[in-house]
Amino acid sequence: MNNELNCETDLEPNIVNEQIFEKEITLCKNLHQENGGSCCWGKCKTCGVIPFLYKLHKGQLLEDENEIKAIKNKIFN
């Protein structure tokens, strides 16, 4: 048995439910608009919150830079 942790360890959907996922995405969107692309955690362009939320809610690991940019553009625009 391999006990090594990695980005795909326990990759499964709905660790975070839909309601919390949508609230957190909305919070990111609102802070992005209010603060010109940043919040107290850093710049939205390089932030990992949205990919992390996708991992916890959708069970989807986002590692491709273009895929992450496309999702962030969809959320922020």
N, C-alpha and C. Protein backbone atom coordinates (compact mmCIF):
# COMPACT_ATOMS: atom_id res chain seq x y z
N MET A 1 0.84 -1.19 0.00
CA MET A 1 0.00 0.00 0.00
C MET A 1 0.88 1.25 0.00
N ASN A 2 0.59 2.16 -0.88
CA ASN A 2 1.35 3.39 -1.01
C ASN A 2 0.68 4.49 -0.18
N ASN A 3 1.35 5.00 0.83
CA ASN A 3 0.80 6.05 1.70
C ASN A 3 1.28 7.44 1.32
N GLU A 4 1.92 7.56 0.18
CA GLU A 4 2.45 8.85 -0.25
C GLU A 4 1.31 9.78 -0.68
N LEU A 5 1.32 10.99 -0.16
CA LEU A 5 0.32 11.98 -0.54
C LEU A 5 0.75 12.67 -1.82
N ASN A 6 -0.22 12.98 -2.67
CA ASN A 6 0.03 13.75 -3.89
C ASN A 6 -1.23 14.51 -4.23
N CYS A 7 -1.23 15.23 -5.33
CA CYS A 7 -2.37 16.06 -5.71
C CYS A 7 -3.63 15.25 -6.01
N GLU A 8 -3.47 13.99 -6.35
CA GLU A 8 -4.61 13.15 -6.69
C GLU A 8 -5.09 12.28 -5.54
N THR A 9 -4.45 12.37 -4.38
CA THR A 9 -4.87 11.59 -3.23
C THR A 9 -6.30 11.94 -2.85
N ASP A 10 -7.13 10.92 -2.73
CA ASP A 10 -8.54 11.08 -2.35
C ASP A 10 -9.30 12.05 -3.25
N LEU A 11 -9.01 12.01 -4.52
CA LEU A 11 -9.67 12.90 -5.48
C LEU A 11 -11.08 12.36 -5.73
N GLU A 12 -12.06 12.99 -5.11
CA GLU A 12 -13.45 12.58 -5.27
C GLU A 12 -14.35 13.80 -5.19
N PRO A 13 -15.51 13.75 -5.84
CA PRO A 13 -16.40 14.91 -5.85
C PRO A 13 -17.15 15.09 -4.53
N ASN A 14 -17.66 16.30 -4.36
CA ASN A 14 -18.58 16.68 -3.29
C ASN A 14 -17.99 16.62 -1.88
N ILE A 15 -16.68 16.81 -1.75
CA ILE A 15 -16.11 17.01 -0.42
C ILE A 15 -16.63 18.34 0.11
N VAL A 16 -16.77 19.31 -0.80
CA VAL A 16 -17.43 20.58 -0.52
C VAL A 16 -18.73 20.56 -1.33
N ASN A 17 -19.86 20.83 -0.67
CA ASN A 17 -21.14 20.73 -1.39
C ASN A 17 -21.35 21.91 -2.35
N GLU A 18 -22.36 21.79 -3.19
CA GLU A 18 -22.65 22.77 -4.25
C GLU A 18 -22.88 24.17 -3.68
N GLN A 19 -23.62 24.26 -2.59
CA GLN A 19 -23.95 25.56 -2.01
C GLN A 19 -22.68 26.29 -1.55
N ILE A 20 -21.80 25.61 -0.86
CA ILE A 20 -20.56 26.24 -0.40
C ILE A 20 -19.67 26.57 -1.58
N PHE A 21 -19.58 25.67 -2.56
CA PHE A 21 -18.79 25.92 -3.76
C PHE A 21 -19.25 27.21 -4.44
N GLU A 22 -20.55 27.35 -4.67
CA GLU A 22 -21.09 28.53 -5.34
C GLU A 22 -20.85 29.80 -4.52
N LYS A 23 -21.00 29.73 -3.21
CA LYS A 23 -20.75 30.90 -2.35
C LYS A 23 -19.30 31.34 -2.44
N GLU A 24 -18.37 30.39 -2.40
CA GLU A 24 -16.95 30.72 -2.45
C GLU A 24 -16.54 31.27 -3.81
N ILE A 25 -17.09 30.70 -4.88
CA ILE A 25 -16.81 31.20 -6.23
C ILE A 25 -17.35 32.62 -6.36
N THR A 26 -18.55 32.87 -5.83
CA THR A 26 -19.14 34.21 -5.87
C THR A 26 -18.30 35.19 -5.07
N LEU A 27 -17.80 34.76 -3.93
CA LEU A 27 -16.92 35.61 -3.13
C LEU A 27 -15.67 35.99 -3.92
N CYS A 28 -15.05 35.01 -4.58
CA CYS A 28 -13.87 35.29 -5.41
C CYS A 28 -14.21 36.30 -6.51
N LYS A 29 -15.34 36.07 -7.16
CA LYS A 29 -15.76 36.96 -8.26
C LYS A 29 -15.97 38.38 -7.74
N ASN A 30 -16.67 38.52 -6.63
CA ASN A 30 -16.95 39.85 -6.08
C ASN A 30 -15.67 40.56 -5.65
N LEU A 31 -14.77 39.85 -4.97
CA LEU A 31 -13.52 40.47 -4.54
C LEU A 31 -12.65 40.84 -5.73
N HIS A 32 -12.66 40.01 -6.76
CA HIS A 32 -11.91 40.31 -7.98
C HIS A 32 -12.40 41.63 -8.60
N GLN A 33 -13.72 41.79 -8.67
CA GLN A 33 -14.30 43.00 -9.26
C GLN A 33 -14.09 44.23 -8.37
N GLU A 34 -14.26 44.07 -7.08
CA GLU A 34 -14.14 45.20 -6.15
C GLU A 34 -12.71 45.69 -6.00
N ASN A 35 -11.76 44.79 -6.08
CA ASN A 35 -10.37 45.13 -5.77
C ASN A 35 -9.45 45.09 -6.98
N GLY A 36 -10.00 45.08 -8.16
CA GLY A 36 -9.18 45.13 -9.36
C GLY A 36 -8.28 43.93 -9.57
N GLY A 37 -8.80 42.73 -9.27
CA GLY A 37 -8.04 41.52 -9.56
C GLY A 37 -7.18 41.00 -8.42
N SER A 38 -7.57 41.35 -7.19
CA SER A 38 -6.82 40.83 -6.05
C SER A 38 -7.68 40.84 -4.79
N CYS A 39 -7.21 40.14 -3.79
CA CYS A 39 -7.81 40.22 -2.47
C CYS A 39 -6.67 40.12 -1.46
N CYS A 40 -6.97 39.98 -0.20
CA CYS A 40 -5.90 39.94 0.81
C CYS A 40 -5.05 38.68 0.70
N TRP A 41 -5.48 37.69 -0.09
CA TRP A 41 -4.69 36.47 -0.29
C TRP A 41 -3.70 36.63 -1.43
N GLY A 42 -3.91 37.61 -2.30
CA GLY A 42 -2.98 37.81 -3.41
C GLY A 42 -3.69 38.19 -4.69
N LYS A 43 -2.99 38.01 -5.81
CA LYS A 43 -3.52 38.34 -7.13
C LYS A 43 -4.33 37.18 -7.69
N CYS A 44 -5.50 37.48 -8.22
CA CYS A 44 -6.38 36.45 -8.78
C CYS A 44 -5.70 35.66 -9.90
N LYS A 45 -4.84 36.33 -10.64
CA LYS A 45 -4.16 35.69 -11.77
C LYS A 45 -3.34 34.48 -11.34
N THR A 46 -2.73 34.55 -10.16
CA THR A 46 -1.87 33.46 -9.70
C THR A 46 -2.46 32.69 -8.51
N CYS A 47 -3.67 32.99 -8.13
CA CYS A 47 -4.30 32.38 -6.96
C CYS A 47 -4.72 30.93 -7.24
N GLY A 48 -4.63 30.10 -6.23
CA GLY A 48 -5.00 28.70 -6.35
C GLY A 48 -6.33 28.35 -5.73
N VAL A 49 -7.09 29.34 -5.26
CA VAL A 49 -8.36 29.05 -4.59
C VAL A 49 -9.35 28.40 -5.55
N ILE A 50 -9.52 28.93 -6.73
CA ILE A 50 -10.50 28.37 -7.66
C ILE A 50 -10.13 26.94 -8.06
N PRO A 51 -8.89 26.65 -8.44
CA PRO A 51 -8.56 25.25 -8.71
C PRO A 51 -8.78 24.34 -7.49
N PHE A 52 -8.50 24.85 -6.31
CA PHE A 52 -8.70 24.07 -5.09
C PHE A 52 -10.20 23.79 -4.86
N LEU A 53 -11.03 24.79 -5.08
CA LEU A 53 -12.47 24.59 -4.95
C LEU A 53 -12.99 23.56 -5.96
N TYR A 54 -12.46 23.62 -7.18
CA TYR A 54 -12.85 22.63 -8.18
C TYR A 54 -12.44 21.22 -7.74
N LYS A 55 -11.28 21.10 -7.14
CA LYS A 55 -10.83 19.80 -6.66
C LYS A 55 -11.76 19.29 -5.56
N LEU A 56 -12.11 20.15 -4.62
CA LEU A 56 -12.94 19.72 -3.49
C LEU A 56 -14.40 19.50 -3.85
N HIS A 57 -14.92 20.26 -4.81
CA HIS A 57 -16.33 20.09 -5.15
C HIS A 57 -16.55 19.14 -6.33
N LYS A 58 -15.80 19.32 -7.38
CA LYS A 58 -16.03 18.53 -8.58
C LYS A 58 -15.14 17.29 -8.67
N GLY A 59 -14.16 17.18 -7.78
CA GLY A 59 -13.23 16.06 -7.84
C GLY A 59 -12.35 16.14 -9.08
N GLN A 60 -12.15 17.35 -9.56
CA GLN A 60 -11.41 17.61 -10.80
C GLN A 60 -10.10 18.32 -10.46
N LEU A 61 -8.99 17.73 -10.87
CA LEU A 61 -7.68 18.32 -10.64
C LEU A 61 -7.33 19.21 -11.82
N LEU A 62 -7.21 20.50 -11.57
CA LEU A 62 -6.85 21.46 -12.61
C LEU A 62 -5.37 21.76 -12.51
N GLU A 63 -4.62 21.33 -13.51
CA GLU A 63 -3.19 21.61 -13.52
C GLU A 63 -2.74 22.30 -14.79
N ASP A 64 -3.53 22.21 -15.84
CA ASP A 64 -3.17 22.84 -17.11
C ASP A 64 -3.41 24.34 -17.02
N GLU A 65 -2.37 25.11 -17.28
CA GLU A 65 -2.44 26.57 -17.16
C GLU A 65 -3.56 27.17 -18.02
N ASN A 66 -3.71 26.68 -19.24
CA ASN A 66 -4.75 27.21 -20.13
C ASN A 66 -6.15 26.87 -19.63
N GLU A 67 -6.31 25.68 -19.07
CA GLU A 67 -7.60 25.29 -18.51
C GLU A 67 -7.97 26.17 -17.32
N ILE A 68 -6.99 26.44 -16.47
CA ILE A 68 -7.23 27.30 -15.30
C ILE A 68 -7.57 28.72 -15.75
N LYS A 69 -6.83 29.24 -16.72
CA LYS A 69 -7.12 30.58 -17.24
C LYS A 69 -8.53 30.65 -17.80
N ALA A 70 -8.95 29.64 -18.54
CA ALA A 70 -10.29 29.62 -19.14
C ALA A 70 -11.38 29.61 -18.06
N ILE A 71 -11.19 28.85 -17.02
CA ILE A 71 -12.18 28.80 -15.94
C ILE A 71 -12.23 30.14 -15.21
N LYS A 72 -11.07 30.71 -14.92
CA LYS A 72 -11.03 32.00 -14.24
C LYS A 72 -11.66 33.09 -15.11
N ASN A 73 -11.39 33.08 -16.40
CA ASN A 73 -12.01 34.05 -17.31
C ASN A 73 -13.52 33.91 -17.31
N LYS A 74 -14.00 32.69 -17.30
CA LYS A 74 -15.45 32.44 -17.27
C LYS A 74 -16.06 33.00 -15.98
N ILE A 75 -15.38 32.80 -14.87
CA ILE A 75 -15.89 33.27 -13.57
C ILE A 75 -15.80 34.78 -13.45
N PHE A 76 -14.67 35.36 -13.86
CA PHE A 76 -14.43 36.78 -13.63
C PHE A 76 -15.05 37.69 -14.68
N ASN A 77 -15.42 37.17 -15.83
CA ASN A 77 -15.98 38.03 -16.89
C ASN A 77 -17.44 37.83 -17.11
